[in-house]
Amino acid sequence: MPKMPSPLTRLSASLPFSRLFRQLEEEMETVIRVLQPGPLGIIEHKFSAEEVREAKGAVDGAVANWRRRNAIQEKTGRGIDVS
């Protein structure tokens, strides 16, 4: 995509702090490029059955831990130090 001069470019060239304006303009152009729709080169990952099982096991374990700690907290009426 060819770089088109913007009004900021002409303004920044005439001011003594033009380097700051050039940097600001480049950052704005970067934001605009990033926000434009289109492929970003992201490759879709298909999880294997084993990866799904491992993730489900980790989530199930975390939920079980949370429930156990919550039950203890409700019985004792105070929090548990998790450090």
PDB file of N, CA and C in Angstrom:
ATOM      1  N   MET A   1       0.847  -1.171   0.000  1.00  0.00           N
ATOM      2  CA  MET A   1       0.000   0.000   0.000  1.00  0.00           C
ATOM      3  C   MET A   1       0.894   1.237   0.000  1.00  0.00           C
ATOM      4  N   PRO A   2       0.777   2.115  -0.993  1.00  0.00           N
ATOM      5  CA  PRO A   2       1.634   3.302  -1.038  1.00  0.00           C
ATOM      6  C   PRO A   2       1.282   4.260   0.087  1.00  0.00           C
ATOM      7  N   LYS A   3       2.313   4.869   0.622  1.00  0.00           N
ATOM      8  CA  LYS A   3       2.139   5.813   1.714  1.00  0.00           C
ATOM      9  C   LYS A   3       1.705   7.155   1.135  1.00  0.00           C
ATOM     10  N   MET A   4       0.563   7.640   1.583  1.00  0.00           N
ATOM     11  CA  MET A   4       0.037   8.906   1.084  1.00  0.00           C
ATOM     12  C   MET A   4       0.398  10.007   2.071  1.00  0.00           C
ATOM     13  N   PRO A   5       0.869  11.134   1.563  1.00  0.00           N
ATOM     14  CA  PRO A   5       1.193  12.230   2.477  1.00  0.00           C
ATOM     15  C   PRO A   5      -0.084  12.769   3.120  1.00  0.00           C
ATOM     16  N   SER A   6       0.010  13.037   4.392  1.00  0.00           N
ATOM     17  CA  SER A   6      -1.154  13.571   5.094  1.00  0.00           C
ATOM     18  C   SER A   6      -0.914  15.042   5.400  1.00  0.00           C
ATOM     19  N   PRO A   7      -1.957  15.739   5.787  1.00  0.00           N
ATOM     20  CA  PRO A   7      -1.779  17.150   6.160  1.00  0.00           C
ATOM     21  C   PRO A   7      -0.787  17.311   7.303  1.00  0.00           C
ATOM     22  N   LEU A   8      -0.707  16.297   8.179  1.00  0.00           N
ATOM     23  CA  LEU A   8       0.252  16.376   9.271  1.00  0.00           C
ATOM     24  C   LEU A   8       1.690  16.401   8.753  1.00  0.00           C
ATOM     25  N   THR A   9       1.948  15.708   7.658  1.00  0.00           N
ATOM     26  CA  THR A   9       3.301  15.672   7.103  1.00  0.00           C
ATOM     27  C   THR A   9       3.738  17.061   6.670  1.00  0.00           C
ATOM     28  N   ARG A  10       2.875  17.736   5.944  1.00  0.00           N
ATOM     29  CA  ARG A  10       3.219  19.097   5.481  1.00  0.00           C
ATOM     30  C   ARG A  10       3.371  20.050   6.662  1.00  0.00           C
ATOM     31  N   LEU A  11       2.477  19.930   7.651  1.00  0.00           N
ATOM     32  CA  LEU A  11       2.553  20.793   8.825  1.00  0.00           C
ATOM     33  C   LEU A  11       3.822  20.504   9.621  1.00  0.00           C
ATOM     34  N   SER A  12       4.126  19.226   9.801  1.00  0.00           N
ATOM     35  CA  SER A  12       5.277  18.863  10.627  1.00  0.00           C
ATOM     36  C   SER A  12       6.599  19.300  10.009  1.00  0.00           C
ATOM     37  N   ALA A  13       6.687  19.346   8.687  1.00  0.00           N
ATOM     38  CA  ALA A  13       7.923  19.749   8.036  1.00  0.00           C
ATOM     39  C   ALA A  13       8.223  21.230   8.260  1.00  0.00           C
ATOM     40  N   SER A  14       7.197  22.012   8.523  1.00  0.00           N
ATOM     41  CA  SER A  14       7.402  23.451   8.673  1.00  0.00           C
ATOM     42  C   SER A  14       7.649  23.873  10.118  1.00  0.00           C
ATOM     43  N   LEU A  15       7.529  22.972  11.058  1.00  0.00           N
ATOM     44  CA  LEU A  15       7.690  23.327  12.461  1.00  0.00           C
ATOM     45  C   LEU A  15       9.029  22.848  13.005  1.00  0.00           C
ATOM     46  N   PRO A  16       9.569  23.554  13.993  1.00  0.00           N
ATOM     47  CA  PRO A  16      10.871  23.168  14.535  1.00  0.00           C
ATOM     48  C   PRO A  16      10.850  21.816  15.251  1.00  0.00           C
ATOM     49  N   PHE A  17       9.721  21.375  15.740  1.00  0.00           N
ATOM     50  CA  PHE A  17       9.652  20.084  16.417  1.00  0.00           C
ATOM     51  C   PHE A  17       9.026  19.039  15.495  1.00  0.00           C
ATOM     52  N   SER A  18       9.469  19.054  14.235  1.00  0.00           N
ATOM     53  CA  SER A  18       8.888  18.184  13.219  1.00  0.00           C
ATOM     54  C   SER A  18       9.118  16.700  13.521  1.00  0.00           C
ATOM     55  N   ARG A  19      10.214  16.375  14.189  1.00  0.00           N
ATOM     56  CA  ARG A  19      10.482  14.969  14.492  1.00  0.00           C
ATOM     57  C   ARG A  19       9.366  14.385  15.361  1.00  0.00           C
ATOM     58  N   LEU A  20       8.886  15.173  16.315  1.00  0.00           N
ATOM     59  CA  LEU A  20       7.797  14.727  17.179  1.00  0.00           C
ATOM     60  C   LEU A  20       6.532  14.475  16.359  1.00  0.00           C
ATOM     61  N   PHE A  21       6.242  15.379  15.424  1.00  0.00           N
ATOM     62  CA  PHE A  21       5.073  15.203  14.577  1.00  0.00           C
ATOM     63  C   PHE A  21       5.217  13.973  13.682  1.00  0.00           C
ATOM     64  N   ARG A  22       6.420  13.749  13.139  1.00  0.00           N
ATOM     65  CA  ARG A  22       6.635  12.560  12.295  1.00  0.00           C
ATOM     66  C   ARG A  22       6.412  11.290  13.092  1.00  0.00           C
ATOM     67  N   GLN A  23       6.918  11.261  14.314  1.00  0.00           N
ATOM     68  CA  GLN A  23       6.747  10.085  15.164  1.00  0.00           C
ATOM     69  C   GLN A  23       5.260   9.871  15.473  1.00  0.00           C
ATOM     70  N   LEU A  24       4.560  10.932  15.794  1.00  0.00           N
ATOM     71  CA  LEU A  24       3.130  10.844  16.077  1.00  0.00           C
ATOM     72  C   LEU A  24       2.372  10.336  14.851  1.00  0.00           C
ATOM     73  N   GLU A  25       2.718  10.856  13.684  1.00  0.00           N
ATOM     74  CA  GLU A  25       2.063  10.435  12.453  1.00  0.00           C
ATOM     75  C   GLU A  25       2.319   8.949  12.176  1.00  0.00           C
ATOM     76  N   GLU A  26       3.555   8.495  12.373  1.00  0.00           N
ATOM     77  CA  GLU A  26       3.869   7.084  12.151  1.00  0.00           C
ATOM     78  C   GLU A  26       3.090   6.192  13.108  1.00  0.00           C
ATOM     79  N   GLU A  27       2.962   6.621  14.351  1.00  0.00           N
ATOM     80  CA  GLU A  27       2.212   5.837  15.331  1.00  0.00           C
ATOM     81  C   GLU A  27       0.733   5.789  14.967  1.00  0.00           C
ATOM     82  N   MET A  28       0.187   6.902  14.488  1.00  0.00           N
ATOM     83  CA  MET A  28      -1.210   6.924  14.057  1.00  0.00           C
ATOM     84  C   MET A  28      -1.413   5.999  12.869  1.00  0.00           C
ATOM     85  N   GLU A  29      -0.491   6.001  11.910  1.00  0.00           N
ATOM     86  CA  GLU A  29      -0.599   5.127  10.747  1.00  0.00           C
ATOM     87  C   GLU A  29      -0.526   3.655  11.161  1.00  0.00           C
ATOM     88  N   THR A  30       0.317   3.358  12.141  1.00  0.00           N
ATOM     89  CA  THR A  30       0.416   1.988  12.635  1.00  0.00           C
ATOM     90  C   THR A  30      -0.908   1.547  13.246  1.00  0.00           C
ATOM     91  N   VAL A  31      -1.512   2.407  14.049  1.00  0.00           N
ATOM     92  CA  VAL A  31      -2.802   2.079  14.658  1.00  0.00           C
ATOM     93  C   VAL A  31      -3.844   1.844  13.576  1.00  0.00           C
ATOM     94  N   ILE A  32      -3.867   2.688  12.567  1.00  0.00           N
ATOM     95  CA  ILE A  32      -4.846   2.551  11.480  1.00  0.00           C
ATOM     96  C   ILE A  32      -4.631   1.235  10.738  1.00  0.00           C
ATOM     97  N   ARG A  33      -3.363   0.886  10.459  1.00  0.00           N
ATOM     98  CA  ARG A  33      -3.080  -0.381   9.760  1.00  0.00           C
ATOM     99  C   ARG A  33      -3.527  -1.572  10.590  1.00  0.00           C
ATOM    100  N   VAL A  34      -3.282  -1.518  11.884  1.00  0.00           N
ATOM    101  CA  VAL A  34      -3.632  -2.639  12.754  1.00  0.00           C
ATOM    102  C   VAL A  34      -5.152  -2.790  12.844  1.00  0.00           C
ATOM    103  N   LEU A  35      -5.862  -1.678  12.863  1.00  0.00           N
ATOM    104  CA  LEU A  35      -7.309  -1.734  13.023  1.00  0.00           C
ATOM    105  C   LEU A  35      -8.051  -2.074  11.742  1.00  0.00           C
ATOM    106  N   GLN A  36      -7.378  -2.037  10.597  1.00  0.00           N
ATOM    107  CA  GLN A  36      -8.045  -2.350   9.345  1.00  0.00           C
ATOM    108  C   GLN A  36      -8.374  -3.839   9.305  1.00  0.00           C
ATOM    109  N   PRO A  37      -9.560  -4.181   8.805  1.00  0.00           N
ATOM    110  CA  PRO A  37      -9.919  -5.586   8.743  1.00  0.00           C
ATOM    111  C   PRO A  37      -9.070  -6.324   7.703  1.00  0.00           C
ATOM    112  N   GLY A  38      -8.928  -7.586   7.909  1.00  0.00           N
ATOM    113  CA  GLY A  38      -8.181  -8.401   6.958  1.00  0.00           C
ATOM    114  C   GLY A  38      -7.357  -9.435   7.675  1.00  0.00           C
ATOM    115  N   PRO A  39      -6.771 -10.356   6.923  1.00  0.00           N
ATOM    116  CA  PRO A  39      -5.989 -11.419   7.549  1.00  0.00           C
ATOM    117  C   PRO A  39      -4.731 -10.863   8.202  1.00  0.00           C
ATOM    118  N   LEU A  40      -4.436 -11.358   9.376  1.00  0.00           N
ATOM    119  CA  LEU A  40      -3.265 -10.907  10.106  1.00  0.00           C
ATOM    120  C   LEU A  40      -2.191 -11.979  10.148  1.00  0.00           C
ATOM    121  N   GLY A  41      -2.393 -13.039   9.402  1.00  0.00           N
ATOM    122  CA  GLY A  41      -1.422 -14.116   9.407  1.00  0.00           C
ATOM    123  C   GLY A  41      -1.603 -15.060  10.577  1.00  0.00           C
ATOM    124  N   ILE A  42      -2.747 -14.983  11.236  1.00  0.00           N
ATOM    125  CA  ILE A  42      -3.015 -15.869  12.353  1.00  0.00           C
ATOM    126  C   ILE A  42      -3.466 -17.213  11.790  1.00  0.00           C
ATOM    127  N   ILE A  43      -2.822 -18.252  12.261  1.00  0.00           N
ATOM    128  CA  ILE A  43      -3.171 -19.595  11.815  1.00  0.00           C
ATOM    129  C   ILE A  43      -4.107 -20.201  12.850  1.00  0.00           C
ATOM    130  N   GLU A  44      -5.244 -20.675  12.375  1.00  0.00           N
ATOM    131  CA  GLU A  44      -6.213 -21.275  13.287  1.00  0.00           C
ATOM    132  C   GLU A  44      -5.659 -22.586  13.811  1.00  0.00           C
ATOM    133  N   HIS A  45      -5.731 -22.756  15.113  1.00  0.00           N
ATOM    134  CA  HIS A  45      -5.212 -23.971  15.731  1.00  0.00           C
ATOM    135  C   HIS A  45      -6.371 -24.909  16.028  1.00  0.00           C
ATOM    136  N   LYS A  46      -6.282 -26.117  15.556  1.00  0.00           N
ATOM    137  CA  LYS A  46      -7.274 -27.143  15.867  1.00  0.00           C
ATOM    138  C   LYS A  46      -6.718 -27.966  17.020  1.00  0.00           C
ATOM    139  N   PHE A  47      -7.428 -27.974  18.130  1.00  0.00           N
ATOM    140  CA  PHE A  47      -6.970 -28.713  19.292  1.00  0.00           C
ATOM    141  C   PHE A  47      -7.218 -30.196  19.098  1.00  0.00           C
ATOM    142  N   SER A  48      -6.246 -30.978  19.497  1.00  0.00           N
ATOM    143  CA  SER A  48      -6.400 -32.433  19.425  1.00  0.00           C
ATOM    144  C   SER A  48      -7.306 -32.883  20.566  1.00  0.00           C
ATOM    145  N   ALA A  49      -7.800 -34.111  20.463  1.00  0.00           N
ATOM    146  CA  ALA A  49      -8.655 -34.665  21.508  1.00  0.00           C
ATOM    147  C   ALA A  49      -7.895 -34.719  22.831  1.00  0.00           C
ATOM    148  N   GLU A  50      -6.611 -35.033  22.784  1.00  0.00           N
ATOM    149  CA  GLU A  50      -5.795 -35.098  24.000  1.00  0.00           C
ATOM    150  C   GLU A  50      -5.661 -33.715  24.636  1.00  0.00           C
ATOM    151  N   GLU A  51      -5.435 -32.675  23.820  1.00  0.00           N
ATOM    152  CA  GLU A  51      -5.334 -31.313  24.359  1.00  0.00           C
ATOM    153  C   GLU A  51      -6.642 -30.885  25.007  1.00  0.00           C
ATOM    154  N   VAL A  52      -7.766 -31.257  24.402  1.00  0.00           N
ATOM    155  CA  VAL A  52      -9.075 -30.909  24.965  1.00  0.00           C
ATOM    156  C   VAL A  52      -9.272 -31.636  26.296  1.00  0.00           C
ATOM    157  N   ARG A  53      -8.901 -32.916  26.347  1.00  0.00           N
ATOM    158  CA  ARG A  53      -9.028 -33.674  27.598  1.00  0.00           C
ATOM    159  C   ARG A  53      -8.165 -33.066  28.704  1.00  0.00           C
ATOM    160  N   GLU A  54      -6.923 -32.688  28.363  1.00  0.00           N
ATOM    161  CA  GLU A  54      -6.025 -32.075  29.354  1.00  0.00           C
ATOM    162  C   GLU A  54      -6.591 -30.752  29.865  1.00  0.00           C
ATOM    163  N   ALA A  55      -7.104 -29.939  28.954  1.00  0.00           N
ATOM    164  CA  ALA A  55      -7.670 -28.649  29.352  1.00  0.00           C
ATOM    165  C   ALA A  55      -8.902 -28.857  30.229  1.00  0.00           C
ATOM    166  N   LYS A  56      -9.762 -29.807  29.847  1.00  0.00           N
ATOM    167  CA  LYS A  56     -10.952 -30.086  30.646  1.00  0.00           C
ATOM    168  C   LYS A  56     -10.552 -30.581  32.033  1.00  0.00           C
ATOM    169  N   GLY A  57      -9.536 -31.415  32.113  1.00  0.00           N
ATOM    170  CA  GLY A  57      -9.062 -31.899  33.404  1.00  0.00           C
ATOM    171  C   GLY A  57      -8.547 -30.763  34.276  1.00  0.00           C
ATOM    172  N   ALA A  58      -7.821 -29.835  33.672  1.00  0.00           N
ATOM    173  CA  ALA A  58      -7.301 -28.692  34.428  1.00  0.00           C
ATOM    174  C   ALA A  58      -8.441 -27.821  34.940  1.00  0.00           C
ATOM    175  N   VAL A  59      -9.437 -27.588  34.104  1.00  0.00           N
ATOM    176  CA  VAL A  59     -10.588 -26.776  34.519  1.00  0.00           C
ATOM    177  C   VAL A  59     -11.375 -27.492  35.605  1.00  0.00           C
ATOM    178  N   ASP A  60     -11.636 -28.780  35.404  1.00  0.00           N
ATOM    179  CA  ASP A  60     -12.379 -29.548  36.416  1.00  0.00           C
ATOM    180  C   ASP A  60     -11.648 -29.534  37.761  1.00  0.00           C
ATOM    181  N   GLY A  61     -10.321 -29.677  37.728  1.00  0.00           N
ATOM    182  CA  GLY A  61      -9.536 -29.639  38.965  1.00  0.00           C
ATOM    183  C   GLY A  61      -9.611 -28.281  39.637  1.00  0.00           C
ATOM    184  N   ALA A  62      -9.543 -27.221  38.855  1.00  0.00           N
ATOM    185  CA  ALA A  62      -9.612 -25.869  39.410  1.00  0.00           C
ATOM    186  C   ALA A  62     -10.983 -25.606  40.026  1.00  0.00           C
ATOM    187  N   VAL A  63     -12.037 -26.069  39.372  1.00  0.00           N
ATOM    188  CA  VAL A  63     -13.394 -25.889  39.905  1.00  0.00           C
ATOM    189  C   VAL A  63     -13.559 -26.688  41.198  1.00  0.00           C
ATOM    190  N   ALA A  64     -13.046 -27.905  41.205  1.00  0.00           N
ATOM    191  CA  ALA A  64     -13.130 -28.725  42.423  1.00  0.00           C
ATOM    192  C   ALA A  64     -12.391 -28.054  43.575  1.00  0.00           C
ATOM    193  N   ASN A  65     -11.207 -27.523  43.321  1.00  0.00           N
ATOM    194  CA  ASN A  65     -10.450 -26.807  44.358  1.00  0.00           C
ATOM    195  C   ASN A  65     -11.225 -25.600  44.864  1.00  0.00           C
ATOM    196  N   TRP A  66     -11.809 -24.856  43.943  1.00  0.00           N
ATOM    197  CA  TRP A  66     -12.572 -23.671  44.327  1.00  0.00           C
ATOM    198  C   TRP A  66     -13.756 -24.071  45.203  1.00  0.00           C
ATOM    199  N   ARG A  67     -14.477 -25.117  44.797  1.00  0.00           N
ATOM    200  CA  ARG A  67     -15.638 -25.571  45.584  1.00  0.00           C
ATOM    201  C   ARG A  67     -15.209 -26.037  46.978  1.00  0.00           C
ATOM    202  N   ARG A  68     -14.102 -26.773  47.043  1.00  0.00           N
ATOM    203  CA  ARG A  68     -13.611 -27.267  48.332  1.00  0.00           C
ATOM    204  C   ARG A  68     -13.239 -26.087  49.242  1.00  0.00           C
ATOM    205  N   ARG A  69     -12.489 -25.131  48.701  1.00  0.00           N
ATOM    206  CA  ARG A  69     -12.097 -23.959  49.497  1.00  0.00           C
ATOM    207  C   ARG A  69     -13.317 -23.135  49.902  1.00  0.00           C
ATOM    208  N   ASN A  70     -14.277 -23.003  49.016  1.00  0.00           N
ATOM    209  CA  ASN A  70     -15.480 -22.235  49.311  1.00  0.00           C
ATOM    210  C   ASN A  70     -16.276 -22.912  50.427  1.00  0.00           C
ATOM    211  N   ALA A  71     -16.375 -24.249  50.379  1.00  0.00           N
ATOM    212  CA  ALA A  71     -17.096 -24.979  51.420  1.00  0.00           C
ATOM    213  C   ALA A  71     -16.412 -24.793  52.768  1.00  0.00           C
ATOM    214  N   ILE A  72     -15.089 -24.866  52.811  1.00  0.00           N
ATOM    215  CA  ILE A  72     -14.340 -24.665  54.050  1.00  0.00           C
ATOM    216  C   ILE A  72     -14.558 -23.249  54.569  1.00  0.00           C
ATOM    217  N   GLN A  73     -14.512 -22.292  53.661  1.00  0.00           N
ATOM    218  CA  GLN A  73     -14.689 -20.889  54.064  1.00  0.00           C
ATOM    219  C   GLN A  73     -16.086 -20.679  54.649  1.00  0.00           C
ATOM    220  N   GLU A  74     -17.087 -21.285  54.045  1.00  0.00           N
ATOM    221  CA  GLU A  74     -18.453 -21.127  54.558  1.00  0.00           C
ATOM    222  C   GLU A  74     -18.593 -21.768  55.934  1.00  0.00           C
ATOM    223  N   LYS A  75     -17.933 -22.925  56.153  1.00  0.00           N
ATOM    224  CA  LYS A  75     -18.022 -23.607  57.455  1.00  0.00           C
ATOM    225  C   LYS A  75     -17.297 -22.840  58.553  1.00  0.00           C
ATOM    226  N   THR A  76     -16.144 -22.281  58.213  1.00  0.00           N
ATOM    227  CA  THR A  76     -15.328 -21.598  59.226  1.00  0.00           C
ATOM    228  C   THR A  76     -15.668 -20.121  59.339  1.00  0.00           C
ATOM    229  N   GLY A  77     -16.307 -19.573  58.336  1.00  0.00           N
ATOM    230  CA  GLY A  77     -16.651 -18.164  58.363  1.00  0.00           C
ATOM    231  C   GLY A  77     -15.470 -17.245  58.117  1.00  0.00           C
ATOM    232  N   ARG A  78     -14.371 -17.790  57.591  1.00  0.00           N
ATOM    233  CA  ARG A  78     -13.216 -16.941  57.281  1.00  0.00           C
ATOM    234  C   ARG A  78     -12.533 -17.455  56.025  1.00  0.00           C
ATOM    235  N   GLY A  79     -11.713 -16.588  55.460  1.00  0.00           N
ATOM    236  CA  GLY A  79     -11.000 -16.921  54.239  1.00  0.00           C
ATOM    237  C   GLY A  79      -9.851 -17.879  54.496  1.00  0.00           C
ATOM    238  N   ILE A  80      -9.332 -18.433  53.430  1.00  0.00           N
ATOM    239  CA  ILE A  80      -8.211 -19.359  53.497  1.00  0.00           C
ATOM    240  C   ILE A  80      -6.997 -18.667  52.899  1.00  0.00           C
ATOM    241  N   ASP A  81      -5.862 -18.790  53.568  1.00  0.00           N
ATOM    242  CA  ASP A  81      -4.624 -18.224  53.034  1.00  0.00           C
ATOM    243  C   ASP A  81      -4.136 -19.148  51.924  1.00  0.00           C
ATOM    244  N   VAL A  82      -4.103 -18.608  50.680  1.00  0.00           N
ATOM    245  CA  VAL A  82      -3.696 -19.435  49.537  1.00  0.00           C
ATOM    246  C   VAL A  82      -2.241 -19.250  49.169  1.00  0.00           C
ATOM    247  N   SER A  83      -1.491 -18.503  49.965  1.00  0.00           N
ATOM    248  CA  SER A  83      -0.086 -18.278  49.621  1.00  0.00           C
ATOM    249  C   SER A  83       0.802 -19.420  50.051  1.00  0.00           C
TER     250      SER A  83
END
